[in-house]
Amino acid sequence: INEGFARVVVSAFAAPLDPTLEELADLKTAVSEAV
């Protein structure tokens, strides 16, 4: 249940770098796999 939460936290954390949707999706997917 917390895997999705980790994805959202990392996504919000990366937001100030103004990532593209693809960059954000890549990061969220990698974090999801690690968790």
Full PDB file with SEQRES, HELIX, SHEET, SSBOND, CRYST1, ORIGX, SCALE, CONECT and MASTER records, all heavy atoms in Angstrom:
SEQRES   1 A   35  ILE ASN GLU GLY PHE ALA ARG VAL VAL VAL SER ALA PHE          
SEQRES   2 A   35  ALA ALA PRO LEU ASP PRO THR LEU GLU GLU LEU ALA ASP          
SEQRES   3 A   35  LEU LYS THR ALA VAL SER GLU ALA VAL                          
HELIX    1 AA1 GLU A    3  ALA A   14  1                                  12    
HELIX    2 AA2 ALA A   15  LEU A   17  5                                   3    
HELIX    3 AA3 LEU A   21  ALA A   34  1                                  14    
CRYST1    1.000    1.000    1.000  90.00  90.00  90.00 P 1           1          
ORIGX1      1.000000  0.000000  0.000000        0.00000                         
ORIGX2      0.000000  1.000000  0.000000        0.00000                         
ORIGX3      0.000000  0.000000  1.000000        0.00000                         
SCALE1      1.000000  0.000000  0.000000        0.00000                         
SCALE2      0.000000  1.000000  0.000000        0.00000                         
SCALE3      0.000000  0.000000  1.000000        0.00000                         
ATOM      1  N   ILE A   1       0.821  -1.211   0.000  1.00  0.00           N  
ATOM      2  CA  ILE A   1       0.000   0.000   0.000  1.00  0.00           C  
ATOM      3  C   ILE A   1       0.863   1.274   0.000  1.00  0.00           C  
ATOM      4  O   ILE A   1       0.454   2.322  -0.491  1.00  0.00           O  
ATOM      5  CB  ILE A   1      -0.974  -0.010   1.196  1.00  0.00           C  
ATOM      6  CG1 ILE A   1      -1.973   1.132   1.098  1.00  0.00           C  
ATOM      7  CG2 ILE A   1      -0.236   0.037   2.505  1.00  0.00           C  
ATOM      8  CD1 ILE A   1      -3.056   1.075   2.152  1.00  0.00           C  
ATOM      9  N   ASN A   2       2.078   1.195   0.512  1.00  0.00           N  
ATOM     10  CA  ASN A   2       2.951   2.364   0.613  1.00  0.00           C  
ATOM     11  C   ASN A   2       3.815   2.613  -0.621  1.00  0.00           C  
ATOM     12  O   ASN A   2       4.475   3.645  -0.713  1.00  0.00           O  
ATOM     13  CB  ASN A   2       3.842   2.253   1.855  1.00  0.00           C  
ATOM     14  CG  ASN A   2       3.054   2.474   3.112  1.00  0.00           C  
ATOM     15  OD1 ASN A   2       2.087   3.234   3.122  1.00  0.00           O  
ATOM     16  ND2 ASN A   2       3.440   1.806   4.175  1.00  0.00           N  
ATOM     17  N   GLU A   3       3.797   1.699  -1.564  1.00  0.00           N  
ATOM     18  CA  GLU A   3       4.584   1.869  -2.800  1.00  0.00           C  
ATOM     19  C   GLU A   3       4.126   3.128  -3.550  1.00  0.00           C  
ATOM     20  O   GLU A   3       4.932   3.932  -3.988  1.00  0.00           O  
ATOM     21  CB  GLU A   3       4.471   0.602  -3.661  1.00  0.00           C  
ATOM     22  CG  GLU A   3       5.182   0.679  -4.984  1.00  0.00           C  
ATOM     23  CD  GLU A   3       4.256   1.169  -6.078  1.00  0.00           C  
ATOM     24  OE1 GLU A   3       3.039   0.948  -6.002  1.00  0.00           O  
ATOM     25  OE2 GLU A   3       4.773   1.801  -7.022  1.00  0.00           O  
ATOM     26  N   GLY A   4       2.821   3.310  -3.683  1.00  0.00           N  
ATOM     27  CA  GLY A   4       2.287   4.489  -4.358  1.00  0.00           C  
ATOM     28  C   GLY A   4       2.624   5.778  -3.619  1.00  0.00           C  
ATOM     29  O   GLY A   4       2.901   6.812  -4.241  1.00  0.00           O  
ATOM     30  N   PHE A   5       2.606   5.718  -2.299  1.00  0.00           N  
ATOM     31  CA  PHE A   5       2.961   6.878  -1.484  1.00  0.00           C  
ATOM     32  C   PHE A   5       4.403   7.299  -1.760  1.00  0.00           C  
ATOM     33  O   PHE A   5       4.691   8.486  -1.924  1.00  0.00           O  
ATOM     34  CB  PHE A   5       2.753   6.552  -0.004  1.00  0.00           C  
ATOM     35  CG  PHE A   5       3.125   7.680   0.915  1.00  0.00           C  
ATOM     36  CD1 PHE A   5       2.403   8.865   0.929  1.00  0.00           C  
ATOM     37  CD2 PHE A   5       4.213   7.553   1.764  1.00  0.00           C  
ATOM     38  CE1 PHE A   5       2.751   9.903   1.783  1.00  0.00           C  
ATOM     39  CE2 PHE A   5       4.570   8.584   2.621  1.00  0.00           C  
ATOM     40  CZ  PHE A   5       3.838   9.760   2.632  1.00  0.00           C  
ATOM     41  N   ALA A   6       5.308   6.330  -1.824  1.00  0.00           N  
ATOM     42  CA  ALA A   6       6.718   6.630  -2.108  1.00  0.00           C  
ATOM     43  C   ALA A   6       6.860   7.296  -3.480  1.00  0.00           C  
ATOM     44  O   ALA A   6       7.631   8.246  -3.635  1.00  0.00           O  
ATOM     45  CB  ALA A   6       7.554   5.356  -2.044  1.00  0.00           C  
ATOM     46  N   ARG A   7       6.118   6.828  -4.460  1.00  0.00           N  
ATOM     47  CA  ARG A   7       6.151   7.421  -5.809  1.00  0.00           C  
ATOM     48  C   ARG A   7       5.726   8.895  -5.770  1.00  0.00           C  
ATOM     49  O   ARG A   7       6.352   9.744  -6.401  1.00  0.00           O  
ATOM     50  CB  ARG A   7       5.216   6.661  -6.760  1.00  0.00           C  
ATOM     51  CG  ARG A   7       5.676   5.297  -7.140  1.00  0.00           C  
ATOM     52  CD  ARG A   7       4.584   4.511  -7.870  1.00  0.00           C  
ATOM     53  NE  ARG A   7       4.028   5.189  -9.010  1.00  0.00           N  
ATOM     54  CZ  ARG A   7       4.337   4.913 -10.276  1.00  0.00           C  
ATOM     55  NH1 ARG A   7       5.214   3.992 -10.548  1.00  0.00           N  
ATOM     56  NH2 ARG A   7       3.766   5.570 -11.261  1.00  0.00           N  
ATOM     57  N   VAL A   8       4.664   9.178  -5.034  1.00  0.00           N  
ATOM     58  CA  VAL A   8       4.146  10.546  -4.955  1.00  0.00           C  
ATOM     59  C   VAL A   8       5.139  11.459  -4.246  1.00  0.00           C  
ATOM     60  O   VAL A   8       5.378  12.591  -4.679  1.00  0.00           O  
ATOM     61  CB  VAL A   8       2.767  10.564  -4.252  1.00  0.00           C  
ATOM     62  CG1 VAL A   8       2.331  11.979  -3.934  1.00  0.00           C  
ATOM     63  CG2 VAL A   8       1.728   9.867  -5.109  1.00  0.00           C  
ATOM     64  N   VAL A   9       5.744  10.975  -3.168  1.00  0.00           N  
ATOM     65  CA  VAL A   9       6.720  11.779  -2.434  1.00  0.00           C  
ATOM     66  C   VAL A   9       7.901  12.136  -3.326  1.00  0.00           C  
ATOM     67  O   VAL A   9       8.321  13.296  -3.402  1.00  0.00           O  
ATOM     68  CB  VAL A   9       7.201  11.038  -1.159  1.00  0.00           C  
ATOM     69  CG1 VAL A   9       8.412  11.725  -0.549  1.00  0.00           C  
ATOM     70  CG2 VAL A   9       6.075  10.945  -0.147  1.00  0.00           C  
ATOM     71  N   VAL A  10       8.429  11.139  -4.036  1.00  0.00           N  
ATOM     72  CA  VAL A  10       9.581  11.383  -4.912  1.00  0.00           C  
ATOM     73  C   VAL A  10       9.196  12.322  -6.051  1.00  0.00           C  
ATOM     74  O   VAL A  10       9.960  13.209  -6.426  1.00  0.00           O  
ATOM     75  CB  VAL A  10      10.156  10.053  -5.438  1.00  0.00           C  
ATOM     76  CG1 VAL A  10      11.165  10.283  -6.543  1.00  0.00           C  
ATOM     77  CG2 VAL A  10      10.790   9.278  -4.285  1.00  0.00           C  
ATOM     78  N   SER A  11       8.009  12.158  -6.576  1.00  0.00           N  
ATOM     79  CA  SER A  11       7.521  13.028  -7.644  1.00  0.00           C  
ATOM     80  C   SER A  11       7.434  14.485  -7.179  1.00  0.00           C  
ATOM     81  O   SER A  11       7.896  15.402  -7.860  1.00  0.00           O  
ATOM     82  CB  SER A  11       6.148  12.536  -8.099  1.00  0.00           C  
ATOM     83  OG  SER A  11       5.598  13.368  -9.068  1.00  0.00           O  
ATOM     84  N   ALA A  12       6.864  14.692  -6.001  1.00  0.00           N  
ATOM     85  CA  ALA A  12       6.758  16.046  -5.458  1.00  0.00           C  
ATOM     86  C   ALA A  12       8.132  16.625  -5.156  1.00  0.00           C  
ATOM     87  O   ALA A  12       8.380  17.821  -5.376  1.00  0.00           O  
ATOM     88  CB  ALA A  12       5.902  16.033  -4.191  1.00  0.00           C  
ATOM     89  N   PHE A  13       9.041  15.789  -4.679  1.00  0.00           N  
ATOM     90  CA  PHE A  13      10.388  16.237  -4.357  1.00  0.00           C  
ATOM     91  C   PHE A  13      11.132  16.708  -5.604  1.00  0.00           C  
ATOM     92  O   PHE A  13      11.859  17.704  -5.570  1.00  0.00           O  
ATOM     93  CB  PHE A  13      11.154  15.094  -3.679  1.00  0.00           C  
ATOM     94  CG  PHE A  13      12.559  15.444  -3.307  1.00  0.00           C  
ATOM     95  CD1 PHE A  13      12.815  16.335  -2.273  1.00  0.00           C  
ATOM     96  CD2 PHE A  13      13.625  14.885  -3.980  1.00  0.00           C  
ATOM     97  CE1 PHE A  13      14.122  16.665  -1.925  1.00  0.00           C  
ATOM     98  CE2 PHE A  13      14.930  15.200  -3.639  1.00  0.00           C  
ATOM     99  CZ  PHE A  13      15.178  16.096  -2.616  1.00  0.00           C  
ATOM    100  N   ALA A  14      10.944  16.016  -6.729  1.00  0.00           N  
ATOM    101  CA  ALA A  14      11.644  16.351  -7.976  1.00  0.00           C  
ATOM    102  C   ALA A  14      11.018  17.552  -8.692  1.00  0.00           C  
ATOM    103  O   ALA A  14      11.652  18.158  -9.566  1.00  0.00           O  
ATOM    104  CB  ALA A  14      11.657  15.145  -8.915  1.00  0.00           C  
ATOM    105  N   ALA A  15       9.805  17.929  -8.335  1.00  0.00           N  
ATOM    106  CA  ALA A  15       9.061  18.980  -9.038  1.00  0.00           C  
ATOM    107  C   ALA A  15       9.808  20.302  -9.217  1.00  0.00           C  
ATOM    108  O   ALA A  15       9.708  20.922 -10.281  1.00  0.00           O  
ATOM    109  CB  ALA A  15       7.718  19.217  -8.354  1.00  0.00           C  
ATOM    110  N   PRO A  16      10.585  20.784  -8.248  1.00  0.00           N  
ATOM    111  CA  PRO A  16      11.278  22.059  -8.447  1.00  0.00           C  
ATOM    112  C   PRO A  16      12.273  22.065  -9.619  1.00  0.00           C  
ATOM    113  O   PRO A  16      12.627  23.127 -10.117  1.00  0.00           O  
ATOM    114  CB  PRO A  16      12.023  22.281  -7.124  1.00  0.00           C  
ATOM    115  CG  PRO A  16      11.230  21.533  -6.125  1.00  0.00           C  
ATOM    116  CD  PRO A  16      10.732  20.319  -6.856  1.00  0.00           C  
ATOM    117  N   LEU A  17      12.682  20.876 -10.074  1.00  0.00           N  
ATOM    118  CA  LEU A  17      13.582  20.810 -11.234  1.00  0.00           C  
ATOM    119  C   LEU A  17      12.824  20.924 -12.550  1.00  0.00           C  
ATOM    120  O   LEU A  17      13.431  20.932 -13.607  1.00  0.00           O  
ATOM    121  CB  LEU A  17      14.387  19.503 -11.213  1.00  0.00           C  
ATOM    122  CG  LEU A  17      15.399  19.373 -10.077  1.00  0.00           C  
ATOM    123  CD1 LEU A  17      16.065  18.013 -10.126  1.00  0.00           C  
ATOM    124  CD2 LEU A  17      16.444  20.468 -10.153  1.00  0.00           C  
ATOM    125  N   ASP A  18      11.487  21.011 -12.478  1.00  0.00           N  
ATOM    126  CA  ASP A  18      10.623  21.132 -13.643  1.00  0.00           C  
ATOM    127  C   ASP A  18      10.845  19.984 -14.634  1.00  0.00           C  
ATOM    128  O   ASP A  18      11.110  20.207 -15.818  1.00  0.00           O  
ATOM    129  CB  ASP A  18      10.847  22.495 -14.325  1.00  0.00           C  
ATOM    130  CG  ASP A  18       9.706  22.861 -15.259  1.00  0.00           C  
ATOM    131  OD1 ASP A  18       8.597  22.322 -15.090  1.00  0.00           O  
ATOM    132  OD2 ASP A  18       9.934  23.673 -16.177  1.00  0.00           O  
ATOM    133  N   PRO A  19      10.735  18.740 -14.157  1.00  0.00           N  
ATOM    134  CA  PRO A  19      10.980  17.596 -15.049  1.00  0.00           C  
ATOM    135  C   PRO A  19       9.898  17.468 -16.109  1.00  0.00           C  
ATOM    136  O   PRO A  19       8.758  17.903 -15.913  1.00  0.00           O  
ATOM    137  CB  PRO A  19      10.942  16.398 -14.095  1.00  0.00           C  
ATOM    138  CG  PRO A  19      10.076  16.849 -12.968  1.00  0.00           C  
ATOM    139  CD  PRO A  19      10.340  18.324 -12.823  1.00  0.00           C  
ATOM    140  N   THR A  20      10.266  16.863 -17.222  1.00  0.00           N  
ATOM    141  CA  THR A  20       9.264  16.534 -18.237  1.00  0.00           C  
ATOM    142  C   THR A  20       8.405  15.400 -17.683  1.00  0.00           C  
ATOM    143  O   THR A  20       8.787  14.731 -16.708  1.00  0.00           O  
ATOM    144  CB  THR A  20       9.922  16.081 -19.551  1.00  0.00           C  
ATOM    145  OG1 THR A  20      10.635  14.854 -19.308  1.00  0.00           O  
ATOM    146  CG2 THR A  20      10.863  17.141 -20.110  1.00  0.00           C  
ATOM    147  N   LEU A  21       7.272  15.161 -18.312  1.00  0.00           N  
ATOM    148  CA  LEU A  21       6.423  14.054 -17.872  1.00  0.00           C  
ATOM    149  C   LEU A  21       7.161  12.722 -18.005  1.00  0.00           C  
ATOM    150  O   LEU A  21       7.024  11.845 -17.156  1.00  0.00           O  
ATOM    151  CB  LEU A  21       5.128  14.024 -18.677  1.00  0.00           C  
ATOM    152  CG  LEU A  21       4.145  15.159 -18.389  1.00  0.00           C  
ATOM    153  CD1 LEU A  21       2.929  15.055 -19.303  1.00  0.00           C  
ATOM    154  CD2 LEU A  21       3.707  15.154 -16.929  1.00  0.00           C  
ATOM    155  N   GLU A  22       7.962  12.584 -19.049  1.00  0.00           N  
ATOM    156  CA  GLU A  22       8.735  11.353 -19.250  1.00  0.00           C  
ATOM    157  C   GLU A  22       9.785  11.169 -18.155  1.00  0.00           C  
ATOM    158  O   GLU A  22       9.940  10.069 -17.609  1.00  0.00           O  
ATOM    159  CB  GLU A  22       9.405  11.364 -20.620  1.00  0.00           C  
ATOM    160  CG  GLU A  22      10.160  10.081 -20.910  1.00  0.00           C  
ATOM    161  CD  GLU A  22      10.790  10.064 -22.290  1.00  0.00           C  
ATOM    162  OE1 GLU A  22      10.516  10.967 -23.110  1.00  0.00           O  
ATOM    163  OE2 GLU A  22      11.580   9.139 -22.537  1.00  0.00           O  
ATOM    164  N   GLU A  23      10.494  12.244 -17.816  1.00  0.00           N  
ATOM    165  CA  GLU A  23      11.498  12.157 -16.745  1.00  0.00           C  
ATOM    166  C   GLU A  23      10.847  11.779 -15.418  1.00  0.00           C  
ATOM    167  O   GLU A  23      11.372  10.947 -14.670  1.00  0.00           O  
ATOM    168  CB  GLU A  23      12.240  13.485 -16.598  1.00  0.00           C  
ATOM    169  CG  GLU A  23      13.179  13.796 -17.733  1.00  0.00           C  
ATOM    170  CD  GLU A  23      13.706  15.217 -17.700  1.00  0.00           C  
ATOM    171  OE1 GLU A  23      13.030  16.126 -17.160  1.00  0.00           O  
ATOM    172  OE2 GLU A  23      14.811  15.421 -18.233  1.00  0.00           O  
ATOM    173  N   LEU A  24       9.704  12.383 -15.142  1.00  0.00           N  
ATOM    174  CA  LEU A  24       8.990  12.102 -13.902  1.00  0.00           C  
ATOM    175  C   LEU A  24       8.486  10.658 -13.878  1.00  0.00           C  
ATOM    176  O   LEU A  24       8.614   9.963 -12.863  1.00  0.00           O  
ATOM    177  CB  LEU A  24       7.829  13.080 -13.739  1.00  0.00           C  
ATOM    178  CG  LEU A  24       7.284  13.294 -12.347  1.00  0.00           C  
ATOM    179  CD1 LEU A  24       8.379  13.647 -11.357  1.00  0.00           C  
ATOM    180  CD2 LEU A  24       6.225  14.370 -12.374  1.00  0.00           C  
ATOM    181  N   ALA A  25       7.928  10.205 -14.981  1.00  0.00           N  
ATOM    182  CA  ALA A  25       7.440   8.822 -15.062  1.00  0.00           C  
ATOM    183  C   ALA A  25       8.591   7.829 -14.889  1.00  0.00           C  
ATOM    184  O   ALA A  25       8.437   6.809 -14.206  1.00  0.00           O  
ATOM    185  CB  ALA A  25       6.731   8.590 -16.393  1.00  0.00           C  
ATOM    186  N   ASP A  26       9.735   8.122 -15.493  1.00  0.00           N  
ATOM    187  CA  ASP A  26      10.909   7.254 -15.351  1.00  0.00           C  
ATOM    188  C   ASP A  26      11.322   7.139 -13.886  1.00  0.00           C  
ATOM    189  O   ASP A  26      11.553   6.036 -13.378  1.00  0.00           O  
ATOM    190  CB  ASP A  26      12.096   7.794 -16.162  1.00  0.00           C  
ATOM    191  CG  ASP A  26      11.925   7.669 -17.659  1.00  0.00           C  
ATOM    192  OD1 ASP A  26      10.939   7.050 -18.118  1.00  0.00           O  
ATOM    193  OD2 ASP A  26      12.788   8.214 -18.379  1.00  0.00           O  
ATOM    194  N   LEU A  27      11.421   8.269 -13.219  1.00  0.00           N  
ATOM    195  CA  LEU A  27      11.846   8.290 -11.819  1.00  0.00           C  
ATOM    196  C   LEU A  27      10.843   7.549 -10.933  1.00  0.00           C  
ATOM    197  O   LEU A  27      11.222   6.731 -10.088  1.00  0.00           O  
ATOM    198  CB  LEU A  27      12.015   9.742 -11.354  1.00  0.00           C  
ATOM    199  CG  LEU A  27      12.560   9.947  -9.955  1.00  0.00           C  
ATOM    200  CD1 LEU A  27      13.946   9.332  -9.802  1.00  0.00           C  
ATOM    201  CD2 LEU A  27      12.608  11.439  -9.637  1.00  0.00           C  
ATOM    202  N   LYS A  28       9.562   7.807 -11.140  1.00  0.00           N  
ATOM    203  CA  LYS A  28       8.534   7.143 -10.347  1.00  0.00           C  
ATOM    204  C   LYS A  28       8.541   5.632 -10.564  1.00  0.00           C  
ATOM    205  O   LYS A  28       8.383   4.862  -9.611  1.00  0.00           O  
ATOM    206  CB  LYS A  28       7.157   7.725 -10.683  1.00  0.00           C  
ATOM    207  CG  LYS A  28       6.965   9.127 -10.129  1.00  0.00           C  
ATOM    208  CD  LYS A  28       5.770   9.878 -10.662  1.00  0.00           C  
ATOM    209  CE  LYS A  28       4.499   9.137 -10.772  1.00  0.00           C  
ATOM    210  NZ  LYS A  28       3.371   9.965 -11.244  1.00  0.00           N  
ATOM    211  N   THR A  29       8.752   5.205 -11.792  1.00  0.00           N  
ATOM    212  CA  THR A  29       8.791   3.773 -12.087  1.00  0.00           C  
ATOM    213  C   THR A  29       9.974   3.107 -11.414  1.00  0.00           C  
ATOM    214  O   THR A  29       9.852   2.032 -10.813  1.00  0.00           O  
ATOM    215  CB  THR A  29       8.835   3.538 -13.612  1.00  0.00           C  
ATOM    216  OG1 THR A  29       7.658   4.115 -14.199  1.00  0.00           O  
ATOM    217  CG2 THR A  29       8.904   2.061 -13.948  1.00  0.00           C  
ATOM    218  N   ALA A  30      11.140   3.741 -11.482  1.00  0.00           N  
ATOM    219  CA  ALA A  30      12.338   3.178 -10.856  1.00  0.00           C  
ATOM    220  C   ALA A  30      12.169   3.081  -9.342  1.00  0.00           C  
ATOM    221  O   ALA A  30      12.517   2.057  -8.728  1.00  0.00           O  
ATOM    222  CB  ALA A  30      13.563   4.022 -11.208  1.00  0.00           C  
ATOM    223  N   VAL A  31      11.620   4.113  -8.711  1.00  0.00           N  
ATOM    224  CA  VAL A  31      11.386   4.097  -7.270  1.00  0.00           C  
ATOM    225  C   VAL A  31      10.375   3.008  -6.916  1.00  0.00           C  
ATOM    226  O   VAL A  31      10.553   2.268  -5.938  1.00  0.00           O  
ATOM    227  CB  VAL A  31      10.923   5.477  -6.765  1.00  0.00           C  
ATOM    228  CG1 VAL A  31      10.372   5.410  -5.352  1.00  0.00           C  
ATOM    229  CG2 VAL A  31      12.073   6.468  -6.856  1.00  0.00           C  
ATOM    230  N   SER A  32       9.343   2.884  -7.706  1.00  0.00           N  
ATOM    231  CA  SER A  32       8.337   1.856  -7.481  1.00  0.00           C  
ATOM    232  C   SER A  32       8.963   0.465  -7.482  1.00  0.00           C  
ATOM    233  O   SER A  32       8.669  -0.370  -6.613  1.00  0.00           O  
ATOM    234  CB  SER A  32       7.263   1.953  -8.574  1.00  0.00           C  
ATOM    235  OG  SER A  32       6.307   0.936  -8.423  1.00  0.00           O  
ATOM    236  N   GLU A  33       9.844   0.208  -8.438  1.00  0.00           N  
ATOM    237  CA  GLU A  33      10.521  -1.092  -8.518  1.00  0.00           C  
ATOM    238  C   GLU A  33      11.415  -1.328  -7.305  1.00  0.00           C  
ATOM    239  O   GLU A  33      11.453  -2.436  -6.757  1.00  0.00           O  
ATOM    240  CB  GLU A  33      11.340  -1.196  -9.798  1.00  0.00           C  
ATOM    241  CG  GLU A  33      10.514  -1.322 -11.054  1.00  0.00           C  
ATOM    242  CD  GLU A  33       9.707  -2.609 -11.131  1.00  0.00           C  
ATOM    243  OE1 GLU A  33      10.146  -3.647 -10.578  1.00  0.00           O  
ATOM    244  OE2 GLU A  33       8.632  -2.583 -11.738  1.00  0.00           O  
ATOM    245  N   ALA A  34      12.143  -0.300  -6.877  1.00  0.00           N  
ATOM    246  CA  ALA A  34      13.037  -0.448  -5.729  1.00  0.00           C  
ATOM    247  C   ALA A  34      12.254  -0.740  -4.451  1.00  0.00           C  
ATOM    248  O   ALA A  34      12.627  -1.624  -3.670  1.00  0.00           O  
ATOM    249  CB  ALA A  34      13.894   0.808  -5.554  1.00  0.00           C  
ATOM    250  N   VAL A  35      11.160  -0.021  -4.247  1.00  0.00           N  
ATOM    251  CA  VAL A  35      10.336  -0.235  -3.058  1.00  0.00           C  
ATOM    252  C   VAL A  35       9.682  -1.622  -3.114  1.00  0.00           C  
ATOM    253  O   VAL A  35       9.676  -2.353  -2.123  1.00  0.00           O  
ATOM    254  CB  VAL A  35       9.280   0.883  -2.902  1.00  0.00           C  
ATOM    255  CG1 VAL A  35       8.261   0.547  -1.825  1.00  0.00           C  
ATOM    256  CG2 VAL A  35       9.959   2.214  -2.601  1.00  0.00           C  
TER     257      VAL A  35                                                      
MASTER        0    0    0    3    0    0    0    6  256    1    0    3          
END                                                                             
